[in-house]
Protein backbone atom coordinates (compact mmCIF):
# COMPACT_ATOMS: atom_id res chain seq x y z
CA UNK A 1 1.32 6.64 24.81
CA UNK A 2 2.30 3.98 22.33
CA UNK A 3 4.46 1.14 23.61
CA UNK A 4 6.30 0.31 20.36
CA UNK A 5 7.58 2.15 17.33
CA UNK A 6 5.42 2.22 14.23
CA UNK A 7 6.94 1.06 11.00
CA UNK A 8 6.49 3.36 7.98
CA UNK A 9 6.41 2.34 4.29
CA UNK A 10 5.28 3.66 0.88
CA UNK A 11 2.52 2.48 -1.49
CA UNK A 12 3.47 3.66 -5.01
CA UNK A 13 1.03 3.77 -7.91
CA UNK A 14 3.47 5.38 -10.35
CA UNK A 15 1.13 8.33 -10.73
CA UNK A 16 1.40 9.95 -14.20
CA UNK A 17 1.55 13.66 -13.90
CA UNK A 18 0.21 15.73 -16.80
CA UNK A 19 3.15 16.43 -19.18
CA UNK A 20 5.21 13.45 -18.07
CA UNK A 21 5.87 10.40 -20.14
CA UNK A 22 5.66 6.83 -18.79
CA UNK A 23 9.46 6.51 -18.90
CA UNK A 24 9.73 9.71 -16.84
CA UNK A 25 7.14 8.34 -14.44
CA UNK A 26 9.06 5.17 -13.92
CA UNK A 27 12.29 7.04 -13.46
CA UNK A 28 10.62 9.17 -10.72
CA UNK A 29 9.37 5.94 -9.09
CA UNK A 30 12.95 4.63 -8.78
CA UNK A 31 14.14 8.04 -7.56
CA UNK A 32 11.49 8.01 -4.88
CA UNK A 33 12.42 4.50 -3.76
CA UNK A 34 16.03 5.47 -3.50
CA UNK A 35 15.11 8.37 -1.37
CA UNK A 36 12.80 6.20 0.80
CA UNK A 37 15.67 3.80 1.40
CA UNK A 38 17.88 6.60 2.61
CA UNK A 39 15.08 7.84 4.94
CA UNK A 40 14.50 4.59 6.74
CA UNK A 41 11.26 3.48 5.07
CA UNK A 42 10.68 -0.27 5.62
CA UNK A 43 9.07 -1.26 2.31
CA UNK A 44 8.26 0.14 -1.11
CA UNK A 45 5.09 -1.45 -2.63
CA UNK A 46 3.78 -1.20 -6.09
CA UNK A 47 0.01 -1.36 -6.70
CA UNK A 48 -1.79 -3.07 -9.56
CA UNK A 49 -4.22 -0.87 -11.59
CA UNK A 50 -5.41 -1.15 -15.23
CA UNK A 51 -6.95 1.11 -17.89
CA UNK A 52 -6.03 4.35 -16.12
CA UNK A 53 -4.44 7.45 -17.64
CA UNK A 54 -3.16 8.47 -14.12
CA UNK A 55 -1.70 5.27 -12.87
CA UNK A 56 1.39 3.66 -14.48
CA UNK A 57 1.60 0.68 -12.13
CA UNK A 58 -0.19 -1.94 -14.29
CA UNK A 59 2.55 -4.61 -14.12
CA UNK A 60 3.89 -4.72 -10.57
CA UNK A 61 6.36 -7.62 -10.93
CA UNK A 62 8.17 -5.67 -13.71
CA UNK A 63 8.32 -2.44 -11.65
CA UNK A 64 9.36 -4.40 -8.55
CA UNK A 65 12.36 -5.72 -10.42
CA UNK A 66 13.14 -2.21 -11.67
CA UNK A 67 13.05 -0.75 -8.21
CA UNK A 68 14.81 -3.63 -6.48
CA UNK A 69 17.67 -3.41 -8.99
CA UNK A 70 18.11 0.26 -8.27
CA UNK A 71 18.08 -0.05 -4.46
CA UNK A 72 20.07 -2.13 -1.96
CA UNK A 73 18.17 -2.70 1.31
CA UNK A 74 14.55 -1.58 1.27
CA UNK A 75 11.91 -4.27 0.91
CA UNK A 76 10.11 -4.09 -2.41
CA UNK A 77 6.83 -5.75 -3.15
CA UNK A 78 3.21 -5.73 -4.43
CA UNK A 79 0.46 -3.76 -2.84
CA UNK A 80 -0.82 -5.77 -4.32
CA UNK A 81 -1.10 -8.36 -6.95
CA UNK A 82 -4.85 -8.58 -7.76
CA UNK A 83 -4.88 -12.38 -7.65
CA UNK A 84 -8.07 -13.02 -9.60
CA UNK A 85 -6.44 -11.46 -12.55
CA UNK A 86 -3.65 -14.06 -12.58
CA UNK A 87 -2.69 -17.67 -12.40
CA UNK A 88 -1.27 -18.58 -9.00
CA UNK A 89 1.38 -20.64 -10.70
CA UNK A 90 2.58 -17.73 -12.79
CA UNK A 91 2.52 -15.41 -9.76
CA UNK A 92 4.64 -17.95 -7.84
CA UNK A 93 7.08 -18.19 -10.72
CA UNK A 94 7.38 -14.35 -11.09
CA UNK A 95 7.84 -13.66 -7.28
CA UNK A 96 10.04 -16.76 -6.91
CA UNK A 97 12.26 -15.28 -9.65
CA UNK A 98 12.30 -11.97 -7.91
CA UNK A 99 13.05 -13.68 -4.54
CA UNK A 100 16.03 -15.38 -6.09
CA UNK A 101 17.29 -12.19 -7.70
CA UNK A 102 16.86 -10.01 -4.51
CA UNK A 103 17.02 -12.40 -1.52
CA UNK A 104 14.99 -11.50 1.57
CA UNK A 105 13.76 -8.19 0.06
CA UNK A 106 10.62 -9.18 -1.83
CA UNK A 107 7.11 -9.06 -0.45
CA UNK A 108 4.00 -10.50 -2.11
CA UNK A 109 0.79 -8.64 -1.11
CA UNK A 110 -2.37 -10.25 -2.53
CA UNK A 111 -5.76 -8.63 -3.08
CA UNK A 112 -9.18 -9.76 -4.33
CA UNK A 113 -10.41 -6.74 -6.31
CA UNK A 114 -9.76 -6.33 -9.99
CA UNK A 115 -7.90 -3.01 -9.78
CA UNK A 116 -9.97 -1.66 -12.64
CA UNK A 117 -13.49 -1.38 -14.03
CA UNK A 118 -15.59 -4.44 -14.72
CA UNK A 119 -15.19 -4.29 -18.55
CA UNK A 120 -11.42 -4.31 -18.24
CA UNK A 121 -11.46 -6.99 -15.60
CA UNK A 122 -13.33 -9.22 -18.09
CA UNK A 123 -10.82 -8.42 -20.79
CA UNK A 124 -8.00 -9.48 -18.43
CA UNK A 125 -9.75 -12.66 -17.37
CA UNK A 126 -13.10 -13.78 -18.59
CA UNK A 127 -13.73 -15.89 -15.46
CA UNK A 128 -12.76 -13.13 -13.00
CA UNK A 129 -15.75 -13.52 -10.76
CA UNK A 130 -15.20 -17.20 -10.35
CA UNK A 131 -11.53 -16.55 -9.53
CA UNK A 132 -12.50 -13.88 -7.07
CA UNK A 133 -14.74 -16.27 -5.21
CA UNK A 134 -11.79 -18.79 -5.13
CA UNK A 135 -9.46 -16.19 -3.61
CA UNK A 136 -8.76 -18.16 -0.38
CA UNK A 137 -7.98 -21.30 -2.38
CA UNK A 138 -5.80 -19.37 -4.75
CA UNK A 139 -3.72 -18.07 -1.80
CA UNK A 140 -3.27 -21.66 -0.73
CA UNK A 141 -2.06 -22.60 -4.21
CA UNK A 142 0.63 -19.88 -4.00
CA UNK A 143 1.63 -21.06 -0.50
CA UNK A 144 1.94 -24.60 -1.93
CA UNK A 145 4.07 -23.53 -4.85
CA UNK A 146 6.52 -21.71 -2.41
CA UNK A 147 6.68 -24.71 -0.16
CA UNK A 148 9.78 -26.97 -0.42
CA UNK A 149 7.37 -29.89 -0.06
CA UNK A 150 5.96 -29.06 -3.45
CA UNK A 151 8.81 -30.85 -5.12
CA UNK A 152 6.91 -34.16 -4.94
CA UNK A 153 3.92 -32.83 -6.92
CA UNK A 154 3.59 -32.91 -10.72
CA UNK A 155 2.72 -29.15 -11.06
CA UNK A 156 5.55 -27.13 -9.69
CA UNK A 157 7.20 -23.69 -9.72
CA UNK A 158 10.77 -24.84 -8.94
CA UNK A 159 12.09 -21.28 -8.99
CA UNK A 160 9.78 -20.50 -5.97
CA UNK A 161 10.21 -23.59 -3.83
CA UNK A 162 11.77 -22.72 -0.53
CA UNK A 163 12.27 -19.04 -1.45
CA UNK A 164 11.59 -16.55 1.33
CA UNK A 165 8.79 -14.24 -0.06
CA UNK A 166 6.35 -13.28 2.75
CA UNK A 167 2.64 -13.17 1.90
CA UNK A 168 0.31 -10.36 2.86
CA UNK A 169 -3.48 -10.26 2.58
CA UNK A 170 -4.78 -6.85 1.31
CA UNK A 171 -8.34 -5.74 1.66
CA UNK A 172 -10.97 -3.06 2.13
CA UNK A 173 -13.69 -5.07 3.84
CA UNK A 174 -14.30 -7.34 6.83
CA UNK A 175 -14.15 -10.43 4.46
CA UNK A 176 -10.44 -9.90 3.97
CA UNK A 177 -9.97 -9.56 7.77
CA UNK A 178 -11.54 -12.96 8.44
CA UNK A 179 -9.38 -14.49 5.74
CA UNK A 180 -6.03 -12.97 6.97
CA UNK A 181 -6.83 -14.00 10.54
CA UNK A 182 -7.71 -17.56 9.48
CA UNK A 183 -4.51 -17.98 7.48
CA UNK A 184 -2.30 -16.27 10.04
CA UNK A 185 -0.97 -13.79 7.61
CA UNK A 186 -0.17 -10.05 7.98
CA UNK A 187 -3.05 -7.78 6.99
CA UNK A 188 -2.97 -4.48 5.12
CA UNK A 189 -6.15 -2.43 4.94
CA UNK A 190 -6.74 0.10 2.16
CA UNK A 191 -7.79 2.93 4.32
CA UNK A 192 -6.28 5.47 1.92
CA UNK A 193 -9.56 5.21 -0.05
CA UNK A 194 -11.80 2.60 1.65
CA UNK A 195 -12.32 3.96 5.19
CA UNK A 196 -15.69 2.73 6.37
CA UNK A 197 -14.69 -0.70 7.67
CA UNK A 198 -11.29 0.02 8.96
CA UNK A 199 -11.95 -0.37 12.70
CA UNK A 200 -14.33 -3.37 12.23
CA UNK A 201 -11.72 -5.13 10.05
CA UNK A 202 -8.99 -4.49 12.52
CA UNK A 203 -11.02 -5.80 15.41
CA UNK A 204 -12.10 -8.92 13.58
CA UNK A 205 -8.55 -9.72 12.48
CA UNK A 206 -7.08 -9.33 15.94
CA UNK A 207 -9.77 -11.28 17.72
CA UNK A 208 -9.74 -14.10 15.15
CA UNK A 209 -6.09 -14.36 14.43
CA UNK A 210 -4.64 -17.81 14.36
CA UNK A 211 -0.87 -18.20 14.62
CA UNK A 212 0.81 -19.85 11.67
CA UNK A 213 4.29 -20.76 10.43
CA UNK A 214 4.49 -17.30 8.84
CA UNK A 215 3.35 -15.20 11.78
CA UNK A 216 3.00 -15.80 15.58
CA UNK A 217 0.85 -12.72 16.37
CA UNK A 218 -1.31 -10.22 14.46
CA UNK A 219 0.44 -7.72 12.31
CA UNK A 220 -1.60 -4.74 10.89
CA UNK A 221 -0.89 -2.13 8.24
CA UNK A 222 -3.06 0.74 7.17
CA UNK A 223 -2.91 3.01 4.08
CA UNK A 224 -3.04 6.80 4.60
CA UNK A 225 -2.83 9.74 2.20
CA UNK A 226 -0.04 12.00 3.13
CA UNK A 227 0.79 15.49 1.84
CA UNK A 228 3.31 17.46 3.87
CA UNK A 229 4.80 20.81 3.00
CA UNK A 230 6.48 23.82 4.77
CA UNK A 231 3.13 25.36 5.45
CA UNK A 232 -0.52 24.24 5.77
CA UNK A 233 -1.47 26.56 2.86
CA UNK A 234 1.09 25.10 0.54
CA UNK A 235 0.15 21.50 1.45
CA UNK A 236 -3.58 22.27 0.81
CA UNK A 237 -2.68 23.69 -2.59
CA UNK A 238 -0.70 20.57 -3.44
CA UNK A 239 -3.60 18.45 -2.24
CA UNK A 240 -5.89 19.92 -4.97
CA UNK A 241 -4.28 17.56 -7.43
CA UNK A 242 -5.44 14.60 -5.32
CA UNK A 243 -8.88 16.02 -5.01
CA UNK A 244 -9.16 16.32 -8.81
CA UNK A 245 -7.95 12.75 -9.23
CA UNK A 246 -10.57 11.40 -6.88
CA UNK A 247 -13.25 13.48 -8.49
CA UNK A 248 -12.23 12.04 -11.76
CA UNK A 249 -12.49 8.52 -10.41
CA UNK A 250 -16.03 9.21 -9.23
CA UNK A 251 -17.16 10.93 -12.42
CA UNK A 252 -15.32 8.70 -14.92
CA UNK A 253 -13.23 11.55 -16.11
CA UNK A 254 -9.86 9.80 -16.15
CA UNK A 255 -6.83 11.94 -16.93
CA UNK A 256 -3.19 12.38 -15.73
CA UNK A 257 -2.57 14.02 -12.43
CA UNK A 258 -3.28 17.77 -12.79
CA UNK A 259 -1.09 20.59 -11.52
CA UNK A 260 -2.08 22.07 -8.14
CA UNK A 261 -4.26 25.20 -7.98
CA UNK A 262 -5.77 27.41 -5.40
CA UNK A 263 -8.67 25.76 -3.52
CA UNK A 264 -11.57 26.96 -5.72
CA UNK A 265 -15.22 27.24 -4.66
CA UNK A 266 -15.90 24.30 -6.95
CA UNK A 267 -13.35 22.07 -5.22
CA UNK A 268 -14.62 23.11 -1.81
CA UNK A 269 -18.12 22.16 -2.81
CA UNK A 270 -16.96 18.79 -4.19
CA UNK A 271 -15.04 18.18 -0.86
CA UNK A 272 -18.40 18.45 1.00
CA UNK A 273 -19.85 15.52 -0.94
CA UNK A 274 -20.27 12.59 1.51
CA UNK A 275 -18.71 10.02 -0.82
CA UNK A 276 -15.57 12.10 -1.30
CA UNK A 277 -15.38 13.01 2.39
CA UNK A 278 -15.55 9.30 3.24
CA UNK A 279 -12.90 8.24 0.77
CA UNK A 280 -10.44 10.95 1.90
CA UNK A 281 -11.09 10.62 5.60
CA UNK A 282 -7.63 9.41 6.36
CA UNK A 283 -5.82 12.08 4.35
CA UNK A 284 -3.32 13.95 6.46
CA UNK A 285 -2.49 17.27 4.84
CA UNK A 286 -0.52 20.27 6.20
CA UNK A 287 2.71 21.41 7.63
CA UNK A 288 4.97 19.01 9.52
CA UNK A 289 3.42 19.88 12.88
CA UNK A 290 -0.11 19.65 11.56
CA UNK A 291 0.41 16.20 9.96
CA UNK A 292 2.42 14.94 13.03
CA UNK A 293 -0.62 15.46 15.27
CA UNK A 294 -3.03 13.80 12.76
CA UNK A 295 -0.66 10.79 12.34
CA UNK A 296 -0.15 10.51 16.09
CA UNK A 297 -3.95 10.45 16.62
CA UNK A 298 -4.51 7.83 13.88
CA UNK A 299 -1.82 5.48 15.34
CA UNK A 300 -3.31 5.93 18.80
CA UNK A 301 -6.86 5.21 17.57
CA UNK A 302 -6.00 2.15 15.38
CA UNK A 303 -2.93 0.69 17.12
CA UNK A 304 -1.61 -0.37 13.72
CA UNK A 305 1.90 -1.80 13.54
CA UNK A 306 2.72 -0.10 10.18
CA UNK A 307 1.57 2.96 8.22
CA UNK A 308 1.88 2.67 4.43
CA UNK A 309 1.75 6.14 2.91
CA UNK A 310 0.33 7.18 -0.37
CA UNK A 311 1.36 10.60 -1.82
CA UNK A 312 0.02 11.81 -5.09
CA UNK A 313 1.76 15.15 -5.70
CA UNK A 314 2.18 16.71 -9.15
CA UNK A 315 5.76 17.96 -8.84
CA UNK A 316 8.30 15.22 -8.23
CA UNK A 317 10.53 17.38 -5.99
CA UNK A 318 7.54 18.32 -3.93
CA UNK A 319 6.68 14.67 -3.49
CA UNK A 320 10.27 13.80 -2.48
CA UNK A 321 10.12 16.61 0.09
CA UNK A 322 6.74 15.41 1.41
CA UNK A 323 7.99 11.88 1.96
CA UNK A 324 11.20 13.43 3.62
CA UNK A 325 9.01 15.40 6.04
CA UNK A 326 6.85 12.31 6.73
CA UNK A 327 9.94 10.27 7.57
CA UNK A 328 10.98 12.95 10.04
CA UNK A 329 7.48 12.92 11.52
CA UNK A 330 7.61 9.16 12.00
CA UNK A 331 11.12 9.28 13.55
CA UNK A 332 9.94 11.87 16.03
CA UNK A 333 6.83 9.97 16.96
CA UNK A 334 8.85 6.78 17.35
CA UNK A 335 11.56 8.54 19.46
CA UNK A 336 8.73 9.38 21.84
CA UNK A 337 7.72 5.79 22.13
CA UNK A 338 8.23 4.34 25.58
CA UNK A 339 9.24 0.64 25.79
CA UNK A 340 6.64 -1.54 27.40
CA UNK A 341 8.90 -2.38 30.31
CA UNK A 342 9.34 1.32 31.21
CA UNK A 343 5.63 1.96 30.74
CA UNK A 344 4.78 -0.95 33.19
CA UNK A 345 7.27 0.49 35.68
CA UNK A 346 5.36 3.81 35.71
CA UNK A 347 7.79 5.80 33.61
CA UNK A 348 4.95 6.87 31.34
């Protein structure tokens, strides 16, 4: 039995459903954040992706401001900023500005991947590969720009100096685990699509973690795909939109999120492909009771401190309902959590 409650949050990609405009998509993003705030979600993160018909989150700082302005208490941040695409100085200025506008509510998650294909990555920044190799040093630059001590240097981001914007290392490999542990930063693993190295990465991070001014002990987050509905059958139908999206990613057939359909023979066959099975390994789909058991098992196996849920559902009301049911699941799981002191006394 777990000894502590598990935090639950949302990773939002501003998925563009077929027939929706970008403005409608962004309105739905804010609507979801407002619902999440009322349901007790800890944070609402915006991803960075480029050159995609199905993802509207290409400028996280702008969307973070949009969401933070329309909410009151939920933490809002990046999941993440793909740092090799950007100047650390500009990132510090952007998030320092956000941190001043919305004090103690802004998170800065940083990743190394481009968030797009190689051609687009080169169009964003011609020296992308060099910047990617410099990722650890680029994080240090951002930390320096946020430090009050940076006032004595010639290159500054005054809007960021001394502002409370926590940094998170995002990753999908063991490299990111070593880095997060070395720097003593919280670690978020992208297990909602990159599943193979999850347990290796968590083990490395915990074993190598070095306490820092930011964090005294390891803090782990894991991404999971969540689709919850009233019945298993309805959830599986809604999940066909996700399947088609992932198939499109693998085949290069990029298009807006498609309406759900019955599970066809073609989709069933695609689902058996090893690559797709691996990518969707941590996809929890079904009724509330079905997903509750899957989530409880995942928490027990990984011991993560926080789940960050990704839900790509075609209909906005269905997506709101899925996140509502997932919040209920997490509250029920956490209500069954026994404090360490009770567990040590033999209560559990």
